Amino acid sequence: MTRFAAIVLAAGESRRMGEPKQLLPWGEHTIVEQVVSTLLRSPLDEIVVVVGHRADEV
């Protein structure tokens, strides 16, 4: 059986913006929360979120 996974790249520092883009608000949640929420509703077998800068906040 074929398995499918998604990789969310959320490790950027966003120096030019001054704050991580993945933590910017999008509606009632952050961008990374919206992305993961959407992926959770899909038929994926695994979701991997790659974090780096300010990982504890992401």
Protein backbone atom coordinates (compact mmCIF):
# COMPACT_ATOMS: atom_id res chain seq x y z
CA MET A 1 0.00 0.00 0.00
CA THR A 2 1.31 3.43 -0.91
CA ARG A 3 1.75 5.88 1.95
CA PHE A 4 1.63 9.64 1.59
CA ALA A 5 3.20 12.31 3.77
CA ALA A 6 3.42 16.08 3.83
CA ILE A 7 6.42 18.13 4.91
CA VAL A 8 5.70 21.65 6.17
CA LEU A 9 8.81 23.83 6.01
CA ALA A 10 8.46 26.25 8.93
CA ALA A 11 12.08 26.90 9.86
CA GLY A 12 12.72 30.31 8.34
CA GLU A 13 14.00 33.25 10.33
CA SER A 14 12.29 35.91 8.15
CA ARG A 15 14.91 38.55 8.91
CA ARG A 16 13.47 41.09 6.47
CA MET A 17 9.99 40.85 8.01
CA GLY A 18 11.24 40.99 11.58
CA GLU A 19 9.17 38.00 12.72
CA PRO A 20 8.69 34.46 11.46
CA LYS A 21 6.16 34.34 8.61
CA GLN A 22 4.80 31.04 9.89
CA LEU A 23 3.65 32.82 13.07
CA LEU A 24 1.80 35.64 11.33
CA PRO A 25 -1.95 35.69 11.95
CA TRP A 26 -4.27 34.31 9.30
CA GLY A 27 -7.84 34.64 10.44
CA GLU A 28 -8.10 33.37 14.00
CA HIS A 29 -4.91 31.28 13.83
CA THR A 30 -1.33 31.52 12.60
CA ILE A 31 -0.28 30.54 9.10
CA VAL A 32 1.37 27.32 10.28
CA GLU A 33 -1.74 26.37 12.29
CA GLN A 34 -3.93 26.87 9.23
CA VAL A 35 -1.62 24.77 7.05
CA VAL A 36 -1.46 21.89 9.54
CA SER A 37 -5.21 22.06 10.14
CA THR A 38 -5.84 21.74 6.41
CA LEU A 39 -3.42 18.84 6.12
CA LEU A 40 -5.05 17.02 9.05
CA ARG A 41 -8.29 16.94 7.05
CA SER A 42 -6.57 15.25 4.11
CA PRO A 43 -5.91 11.52 3.67
CA LEU A 44 -2.22 11.77 4.54
CA ASP A 45 -0.47 9.09 6.55
CA GLU A 46 2.03 11.45 8.13
CA ILE A 47 2.61 15.19 8.58
CA VAL A 48 6.11 16.44 9.40
CA VAL A 49 6.66 20.06 10.44
CA VAL A 50 10.29 21.13 10.06
CA VAL A 51 11.12 23.88 12.54
CA GLY A 52 14.27 25.86 13.23
CA HIS A 53 14.39 29.48 14.34
CA ARG A 54 12.07 30.03 17.35
CA ALA A 55 11.01 26.38 17.16
CA ASP A 56 9.38 26.49 20.60
CA GLU A 57 6.89 29.10 19.33
CA VAL A 58 6.13 27.28 16.08
